Amino acid sequence: MSSQHSEIEIGGIGAVTGYGWGREVLWDGLVSGMPAAVPEEGHGPGRDRTAWVARVPEGGDPADGPSRFARAMRAAAREAILDAAAQGWVAGRRVGLLHAVVLGEVDLWREFYQAREGRVPVRDYLALMPSTPMSTLMKEFGFHGPAMNVSAMCASGNAGLLTAKAWLDSDVVDDVVFVATDLSATPENVLHFERLGVAITDAGPLEACRPFQEGSRGFTMGEASVGMVLSRGLADPYARLLGGSMSHDAHHVTSIDPDLTEVRGCVREALRRSGVRGRDIRYLNAHGPGTAQCDRAEARVCAELLAEQTSIYSVKPLVGHCQGAASAVEVAVAGLGYRHGFIPAPPRRAPGDRRLLDGRTPVAGGLTLKSSLGMGGHNSAVVLGPPS
């Protein structure tokens, strides 16, 4: 196994989630052990049904755009940039921007087609474009590196991190601002995920979503935007990104290949590219959506490829499944956990995997494997470590 690898560092974090606006609001919500989701009316046929959703509340700076999406994206990115700068980061000449997004501006597009029938001023039409919040952010900070969207369903966060690392390794940029945004929990989208049999709307998250435990039925829908500054040589980073890998099942539009050949291969390759072995992994920060097939796949891979003492946790019962921003939220949680010295794991509610953490757990150093299995066959895994 090759030990050749490079590392990059996560030097700033910003977050907008169902808990509210700000990184510390996210952390305080996680530490409380209470889910971000609340019952909302107006879901389902006739809009007469209540559903549990971890929706980003109204807020942000109106100057950042006309929608929650644009305001959340720029707020998360700005918080990460200012956080990194406060810790000594000085932007290089070539700062790139990566934005992980699957469904963008769903509220504005719905209004464009349904309420306004396409009759909008050009300025309002430009606000619909995914390039617009990126362009305004680049202008605000005077960044001149490449700016690009990344999309790999629920694995988009990991995809963005690996793209950022490739840019840095190839000397395309000096630094990367990475943002993952998904504010798509509209009644229509929630309803269709429920019809797919994976989203649970009729019970509280800690009862319905029990990753790696008996009685788990699926996940609660969530929303988030998370920003990070990625660079090298930072004085006080949250975490190190050692490496990772992605693959595709080429099997089914929603289901995981039951043979798990590509999932295993992805994890093996992530370990190899990070210069570590399975026995070096202390924590599996799992995709963990609480669905039977995903939990079964990750539990098997953990048992087969990682250490006997590897602990598992998933924060989806708390933050919800944030779709295109899911793995970015969970990477941020790992970084904040290293900084604060503990993992804010959800409390266990039922018998389950013996390796599953139960509530707040001190971090005993060690490496974290962050896995994310995106709908349609997107496999991804990245290896994170505490600051050197």
Protein backbone atom coordinates (compact mmCIF):
# COMPACT_ATOMS: atom_id res chain seq x y z
CA MET A 1 0.00 0.00 0.00
CA SER A 2 1.38 3.38 -1.02
CA SER A 3 2.01 5.91 1.72
CA GLN A 4 2.16 8.78 -0.80
CA HIS A 5 -0.50 11.32 0.02
CA SER A 6 -0.97 15.00 0.71
CA GLU A 7 -3.11 16.75 3.25
CA ILE A 8 -5.21 19.88 3.23
CA GLU A 9 -6.74 21.63 6.19
CA ILE A 10 -10.19 22.91 7.09
CA GLY A 11 -9.47 26.37 8.45
CA GLY A 12 -12.87 28.04 8.74
CA ILE A 13 -16.47 26.86 9.12
CA GLY A 14 -19.77 28.60 8.56
CA ALA A 15 -23.23 27.09 8.84
CA VAL A 16 -26.91 27.77 8.32
CA THR A 17 -29.13 24.84 9.33
CA GLY A 18 -32.53 23.98 10.68
CA TYR A 19 -31.22 25.12 14.06
CA GLY A 20 -30.74 28.65 12.71
CA TRP A 21 -28.09 30.97 11.32
CA GLY A 22 -24.50 30.45 12.44
CA ARG A 23 -21.86 27.86 13.30
CA GLU A 24 -22.33 28.20 17.06
CA VAL A 25 -26.11 27.89 16.70
CA LEU A 26 -25.55 24.56 14.94
CA TRP A 27 -23.16 23.36 17.63
CA ASP A 28 -25.44 24.42 20.48
CA GLY A 29 -28.34 22.63 18.81
CA LEU A 30 -26.35 19.43 18.45
CA VAL A 31 -25.09 19.60 22.02
CA SER A 32 -28.67 19.95 23.27
CA GLY A 33 -29.50 16.55 21.79
CA MET A 34 -32.76 17.96 20.47
CA PRO A 35 -33.57 17.62 16.74
CA ALA A 36 -33.76 20.69 14.52
CA ALA A 37 -36.96 19.44 12.89
CA VAL A 38 -40.33 20.77 13.97
CA PRO A 39 -43.87 19.94 12.77
CA GLU A 40 -44.93 22.09 9.81
CA GLU A 41 -48.37 22.40 8.34
CA GLY A 42 -49.12 22.48 4.63
CA HIS A 43 -47.57 19.21 3.40
CA GLY A 44 -49.06 16.44 1.36
CA PRO A 45 -52.11 16.30 -0.90
CA GLY A 46 -54.29 19.34 -0.42
CA ARG A 47 -51.55 20.85 1.78
CA ASP A 48 -53.60 19.87 4.82
CA ARG A 49 -51.09 17.63 6.55
CA THR A 50 -48.39 18.25 9.15
CA ALA A 51 -44.86 16.97 8.59
CA TRP A 52 -41.63 17.06 10.59
CA VAL A 53 -39.02 19.09 8.66
CA ALA A 54 -35.69 20.68 9.71
CA ARG A 55 -36.16 23.78 7.59
CA VAL A 56 -33.78 26.76 7.56
CA PRO A 57 -35.73 29.66 9.10
CA GLU A 58 -36.06 33.06 7.48
CA GLY A 59 -33.10 35.31 8.10
CA GLY A 60 -29.87 36.50 6.61
CA ASP A 61 -29.01 39.76 4.89
CA PRO A 62 -31.52 40.91 2.24
CA ALA A 63 -28.56 42.33 0.32
CA ASP A 64 -27.36 38.76 -0.24
CA GLY A 65 -30.30 37.93 -2.47
CA PRO A 66 -34.07 37.56 -2.66
CA SER A 67 -34.26 33.97 -1.39
CA ARG A 68 -33.36 31.89 1.65
CA PHE A 69 -31.08 29.89 -0.67
CA ALA A 70 -28.93 32.81 -1.79
CA ARG A 71 -28.82 34.37 1.67
CA ALA A 72 -27.89 31.09 3.34
CA MET A 73 -25.19 30.28 0.78
CA ARG A 74 -23.49 33.65 1.15
CA ALA A 75 -23.92 33.74 4.93
CA ALA A 76 -22.31 30.30 5.37
CA ALA A 77 -19.44 31.15 3.03
CA ARG A 78 -18.89 34.56 4.63
CA GLU A 79 -18.86 33.10 8.15
CA ALA A 80 -16.28 30.51 7.09
CA ILE A 81 -14.08 33.14 5.43
CA LEU A 82 -14.20 35.50 8.41
CA ASP A 83 -13.65 32.60 10.81
CA ALA A 84 -10.53 31.52 8.91
CA ALA A 85 -9.23 35.09 8.72
CA ALA A 86 -9.70 35.53 12.47
CA GLN A 87 -7.48 32.48 12.97
CA GLY A 88 -4.72 33.90 10.78
CA TRP A 89 -5.61 32.77 7.27
CA VAL A 90 -4.41 35.15 4.57
CA ALA A 91 -6.03 34.55 1.19
CA GLY A 92 -3.67 33.72 -1.65
CA ARG A 93 -3.78 35.28 -5.09
CA ARG A 94 -5.88 32.42 -6.49
CA VAL A 95 -8.87 31.64 -4.28
CA GLY A 96 -11.29 29.23 -5.92
CA LEU A 97 -14.95 28.71 -5.09
CA LEU A 98 -16.72 25.36 -5.18
CA HIS A 99 -20.46 25.19 -4.59
CA ALA A 100 -22.07 21.80 -4.03
CA VAL A 101 -25.71 22.01 -5.05
CA VAL A 102 -28.31 19.54 -6.34
CA LEU A 103 -31.56 21.54 -6.33
CA GLY A 104 -31.01 25.28 -6.31
CA GLU A 105 -33.48 28.11 -5.75
CA VAL A 106 -36.53 25.83 -5.65
CA ASP A 107 -38.66 28.55 -4.05
CA LEU A 108 -37.79 31.10 -6.73
CA TRP A 109 -38.28 28.64 -9.60
CA ARG A 110 -41.70 27.62 -8.24
CA GLU A 111 -42.70 31.28 -8.04
CA PHE A 112 -41.26 31.92 -11.52
CA TYR A 113 -43.39 29.23 -13.17
CA GLN A 114 -46.51 29.15 -11.02
CA ALA A 115 -47.12 32.58 -9.53
CA ARG A 116 -45.46 34.85 -12.07
CA GLU A 117 -45.78 32.66 -15.20
CA GLY A 118 -42.29 33.55 -16.33
CA ARG A 119 -42.97 37.29 -16.41
CA VAL A 120 -40.14 38.69 -14.31
CA PRO A 121 -37.57 41.46 -14.73
CA VAL A 122 -34.18 40.37 -16.06
CA ARG A 123 -32.62 41.03 -12.64
CA ASP A 124 -35.06 38.60 -11.02
CA TYR A 125 -34.41 36.04 -13.75
CA LEU A 126 -30.65 36.23 -13.14
CA ALA A 127 -31.28 35.52 -9.47
CA LEU A 128 -32.48 32.04 -10.50
CA MET A 129 -29.11 31.12 -11.98
CA PRO A 130 -26.73 29.06 -9.79
CA SER A 131 -23.88 31.28 -10.94
CA THR A 132 -25.39 34.44 -9.43
CA PRO A 133 -24.74 33.90 -5.68
CA MET A 134 -21.30 32.57 -6.61
CA SER A 135 -20.50 35.65 -8.68
CA THR A 136 -21.64 38.04 -5.98
CA LEU A 137 -19.54 36.20 -3.37
CA MET A 138 -16.45 36.30 -5.61
CA LYS A 139 -17.01 40.03 -6.15
CA GLU A 140 -17.50 40.71 -2.43
CA PHE A 141 -14.12 39.26 -1.51
CA GLY A 142 -12.21 39.93 -4.73
CA PHE A 143 -11.46 36.26 -5.39
CA HIS A 144 -10.16 35.42 -8.86
CA GLY A 145 -9.68 31.66 -8.88
CA PRO A 146 -12.05 29.28 -10.68
CA ALA A 147 -15.68 29.08 -9.56
CA MET A 148 -17.65 25.91 -10.21
CA ASN A 149 -20.69 23.92 -9.10
CA VAL A 150 -20.39 20.29 -7.95
CA SER A 151 -23.31 17.87 -7.91
CA ALA A 152 -23.35 14.24 -6.79
CA MET A 153 -26.68 13.93 -4.95
CA CYS A 154 -26.21 13.27 -1.21
CA ALA A 155 -22.47 12.74 -1.75
CA SER A 156 -22.02 16.29 -3.10
CA GLY A 157 -20.24 17.49 0.04
CA ASN A 158 -17.58 14.80 -0.18
CA ALA A 159 -17.34 15.42 -3.92
CA GLY A 160 -16.67 19.09 -3.26
CA LEU A 161 -13.95 18.32 -0.72
CA LEU A 162 -12.21 15.93 -3.09
CA THR A 163 -12.44 18.44 -5.94
CA ALA A 164 -10.94 21.12 -3.70
CA LYS A 165 -8.09 18.79 -2.80
CA ALA A 166 -7.48 18.03 -6.49
CA TRP A 167 -7.33 21.75 -7.25
CA LEU A 168 -4.83 22.33 -4.45
CA ASP A 169 -2.74 19.26 -5.32
CA SER A 170 -2.60 20.37 -8.97
CA ASP A 171 -1.64 23.96 -8.07
CA VAL A 172 -4.74 25.34 -9.76
CA VAL A 173 -5.47 27.46 -6.68
CA ASP A 174 -3.84 28.64 -3.48
CA ASP A 175 -6.99 28.27 -1.37
CA VAL A 176 -10.57 27.08 -1.81
CA VAL A 177 -13.81 28.34 -0.35
CA PHE A 178 -16.20 25.40 -0.41
CA VAL A 179 -19.94 25.75 0.17
CA ALA A 180 -22.69 23.13 0.05
CA THR A 181 -26.28 24.36 -0.06
CA ASP A 182 -29.62 22.58 -0.12
CA LEU A 183 -32.82 24.37 0.81
CA SER A 184 -35.17 22.14 -1.13
CA ALA A 185 -37.53 20.81 1.57
CA THR A 186 -40.63 22.16 -0.13
CA PRO A 187 -43.92 20.33 0.43
CA GLU A 188 -43.64 18.82 -3.08
CA ASN A 189 -40.14 17.45 -2.52
CA VAL A 190 -40.92 16.16 0.97
CA LEU A 191 -43.99 14.37 -0.39
CA HIS A 192 -42.05 12.61 -3.15
CA PHE A 193 -39.30 11.44 -0.81
CA GLU A 194 -42.05 10.09 1.40
CA ARG A 195 -43.51 8.26 -1.61
CA LEU A 196 -40.08 6.78 -2.25
CA GLY A 197 -40.39 5.21 1.20
CA VAL A 198 -37.38 6.94 2.78
CA ALA A 199 -38.62 10.22 4.28
CA ILE A 200 -40.65 9.99 7.49
CA THR A 201 -43.00 12.87 8.27
CA ASP A 202 -45.43 11.51 10.84
CA ALA A 203 -43.14 11.13 13.86
CA GLY A 204 -40.38 13.00 15.63
CA PRO A 205 -36.85 12.39 14.27
CA LEU A 206 -35.50 10.55 17.30
CA GLU A 207 -38.36 8.10 17.07
CA ALA A 208 -38.45 7.64 13.29
CA CYS A 209 -34.75 7.97 12.39
CA ARG A 210 -32.63 5.53 14.39
CA PRO A 211 -29.54 4.76 12.30
CA PHE A 212 -28.07 1.32 13.08
CA GLN A 213 -30.87 0.60 15.58
CA GLU A 214 -33.98 -1.54 15.56
CA GLY A 215 -37.17 0.12 14.43
CA SER A 216 -35.61 2.79 12.25
CA ARG A 217 -37.97 3.82 9.45
CA GLY A 218 -35.97 6.41 7.47
CA PHE A 219 -35.05 10.06 7.82
CA THR A 220 -36.51 13.48 8.42
CA MET A 221 -35.91 16.02 5.65
CA GLY A 222 -33.52 18.85 6.46
CA GLU A 223 -31.98 21.94 4.91
CA ALA A 224 -28.55 23.53 5.29
CA SER A 225 -25.76 25.59 3.82
CA VAL A 226 -22.25 24.94 5.11
CA GLY A 227 -19.06 26.79 4.19
CA MET A 228 -15.42 25.87 4.71
CA VAL A 229 -12.03 27.37 3.88
CA LEU A 230 -9.57 24.77 2.62
CA SER A 231 -5.86 25.45 2.43
CA ARG A 232 -2.43 24.36 3.67
CA GLY A 233 -0.18 25.61 6.44
CA LEU A 234 -2.99 26.99 8.59
CA ALA A 235 -2.16 27.88 12.17
CA ASP A 236 -5.25 26.49 13.89
CA PRO A 237 -7.39 24.32 11.60
CA TYR A 238 -10.46 22.38 12.65
CA ALA A 239 -9.34 19.20 10.92
CA ARG A 240 -7.11 17.73 8.23
CA LEU A 241 -8.40 16.10 5.05
CA LEU A 242 -5.99 13.27 4.31
CA GLY A 243 -7.66 11.92 1.19
CA GLY A 244 -10.67 10.10 -0.15
CA SER A 245 -12.34 8.46 -3.09
CA MET A 246 -15.55 8.25 -5.10
CA SER A 247 -17.12 5.57 -7.27
CA HIS A 248 -20.45 4.64 -8.79
CA ASP A 249 -22.51 1.46 -8.45
CA ALA A 250 -23.96 1.64 -12.00
CA HIS A 251 -26.75 -0.48 -10.57
CA HIS A 252 -30.06 1.33 -9.89
CA VAL A 253 -31.51 4.85 -9.72
CA THR A 254 -32.21 4.59 -5.99
CA SER A 255 -30.96 1.29 -4.57
CA ILE A 256 -27.46 0.28 -3.48
CA ASP A 257 -25.93 -2.71 -5.25
CA PRO A 258 -26.42 -5.45 -2.61
CA ASP A 259 -23.03 -6.96 -3.45
CA LEU A 260 -21.40 -3.74 -2.13
CA THR A 261 -18.47 -4.28 -4.48
CA GLU A 262 -18.09 -0.62 -5.38
CA VAL A 263 -18.82 0.63 -1.86
CA ARG A 264 -16.04 -1.55 -0.48
CA GLY A 265 -13.73 -0.53 -3.29
CA CYS A 266 -14.42 3.14 -2.62
CA VAL A 267 -13.55 2.82 1.08
CA ARG A 268 -10.42 0.80 0.33
CA GLU A 269 -9.29 3.40 -2.18
CA ALA A 270 -10.02 6.25 0.24
CA LEU A 271 -7.83 4.57 2.85
CA ARG A 272 -5.05 3.92 0.34
CA ARG A 273 -5.06 7.47 -0.98
CA SER A 274 -4.95 8.77 2.59
CA GLY A 275 -1.96 6.62 3.48
CA VAL A 276 -3.76 4.82 6.29
CA ARG A 277 -5.20 1.40 7.05
CA GLY A 278 -8.64 0.39 8.25
CA ARG A 279 -7.27 -0.31 11.70
CA ASP A 280 -6.28 3.37 11.96
CA ILE A 281 -9.88 4.61 11.76
CA ARG A 282 -11.30 5.50 15.16
CA TYR A 283 -14.69 6.87 14.06
CA LEU A 284 -17.08 6.22 11.20
CA ASN A 285 -19.07 9.40 10.66
CA ALA A 286 -21.69 7.55 8.69
CA HIS A 287 -24.11 8.57 6.00
CA GLY A 288 -26.54 6.86 8.38
CA PRO A 289 -29.94 7.97 7.04
CA GLY A 290 -31.81 5.34 9.04
CA THR A 291 -32.92 3.39 5.95
CA ALA A 292 -32.44 -0.35 6.03
CA GLN A 293 -30.26 -0.66 2.93
CA CYS A 294 -27.89 2.21 3.75
CA ASP A 295 -27.42 1.25 7.38
CA ARG A 296 -26.87 -2.38 6.44
CA ALA A 297 -24.27 -1.44 3.81
CA GLU A 298 -22.26 0.84 6.08
CA ALA A 299 -22.37 -1.57 9.02
CA ARG A 300 -21.02 -4.38 6.83
CA VAL A 301 -18.25 -2.26 5.37
CA CYS A 302 -17.28 -1.05 8.84
CA ALA A 303 -17.12 -4.61 10.16
CA GLU A 304 -15.12 -5.87 7.18
CA LEU A 305 -12.67 -3.03 6.53
CA LEU A 306 -12.27 -0.94 9.68
CA ALA A 307 -10.93 -1.57 13.14
CA GLU A 308 -12.64 -3.63 15.79
CA GLN A 309 -12.76 -0.55 18.04
CA THR A 310 -14.14 1.80 15.37
CA SER A 311 -17.16 3.69 16.72
CA ILE A 312 -20.10 4.70 14.50
CA TYR A 313 -22.30 7.76 14.65
CA SER A 314 -24.74 9.65 12.44
CA VAL A 315 -26.12 13.11 13.19
CA LYS A 316 -29.05 12.85 10.75
CA PRO A 317 -31.56 12.30 13.59
CA LEU A 318 -30.55 15.78 14.81
CA VAL A 319 -29.92 17.91 11.70
CA GLY A 320 -32.13 15.94 9.32
CA HIS A 321 -31.11 14.64 5.92
CA CYS A 322 -29.89 17.81 4.22
CA GLN A 323 -29.66 16.15 0.78
CA GLY A 324 -27.00 17.89 -1.33
CA ALA A 325 -25.52 19.53 1.79
CA ALA A 326 -25.68 16.41 3.98
CA SER A 327 -22.06 15.25 3.95
CA ALA A 328 -20.77 18.84 4.27
CA VAL A 329 -22.84 19.33 7.44
CA GLU A 330 -21.46 16.08 8.80
CA VAL A 331 -17.84 16.95 7.93
CA ALA A 332 -18.34 20.27 9.74
CA VAL A 333 -19.63 18.36 12.78
CA ALA A 334 -16.49 16.20 12.76
CA GLY A 335 -14.28 19.30 12.59
CA LEU A 336 -16.19 21.05 15.36
CA GLY A 337 -16.00 17.85 17.39
CA TYR A 338 -12.21 17.84 17.17
CA ARG A 339 -12.18 21.50 18.21
CA HIS A 340 -14.53 21.08 21.19
CA GLY A 341 -13.23 17.68 22.26
CA PHE A 342 -16.38 15.61 21.93
CA ILE A 343 -18.82 14.17 19.41
CA PRO A 344 -22.45 15.31 19.78
CA ALA A 345 -23.91 11.94 18.81
CA PRO A 346 -27.67 11.47 19.10
CA PRO A 347 -28.91 9.44 22.06
CA ARG A 348 -29.65 5.81 21.35
CA ARG A 349 -33.33 4.90 21.42
CA ALA A 350 -33.35 1.16 20.70
CA PRO A 351 -31.09 -1.91 20.60
CA GLY A 352 -28.65 -1.78 17.73
CA ASP A 353 -25.06 -2.01 16.55
CA ARG A 354 -22.71 -2.36 19.50
CA ARG A 355 -20.30 0.16 17.91
CA LEU A 356 -22.89 2.95 17.83
CA LEU A 357 -22.14 5.95 20.06
CA ASP A 358 -24.79 6.94 22.59
CA GLY A 359 -24.99 10.69 23.12
CA ARG A 360 -22.14 13.07 23.84
CA THR A 361 -18.83 11.21 23.62
CA PRO A 362 -15.30 12.55 24.27
CA VAL A 363 -13.06 12.50 21.20
CA ALA A 364 -10.04 10.34 21.94
CA GLY A 365 -8.05 11.67 18.98
CA GLY A 366 -7.80 9.37 16.02
CA LEU A 367 -9.01 9.46 12.44
CA THR A 368 -12.55 9.77 11.12
CA LEU A 369 -13.87 8.13 7.97
CA LYS A 370 -16.76 10.17 6.57
CA SER A 371 -18.85 8.03 4.23
CA SER A 372 -21.69 9.28 2.06
CA LEU A 373 -23.85 7.19 -0.26
CA GLY A 374 -25.74 9.39 -2.69
CA MET A 375 -28.97 8.30 -4.31
CA GLY A 376 -28.38 6.74 -7.70
CA GLY A 377 -25.15 4.94 -6.82
CA HIS A 378 -22.78 7.74 -5.77
CA ASN A 379 -20.28 6.24 -3.30
CA SER A 380 -17.86 8.49 -1.44
CA ALA A 381 -15.53 8.42 1.53
CA VAL A 382 -13.05 10.91 2.93
CA VAL A 383 -10.56 10.51 5.76
CA LEU A 384 -10.31 13.30 8.33
CA GLY A 385 -7.84 13.75 11.13
CA PRO A 386 -7.48 16.11 14.08
CA PRO A 387 -5.14 19.09 13.71
CA SER A 388 -1.49 18.11 13.84
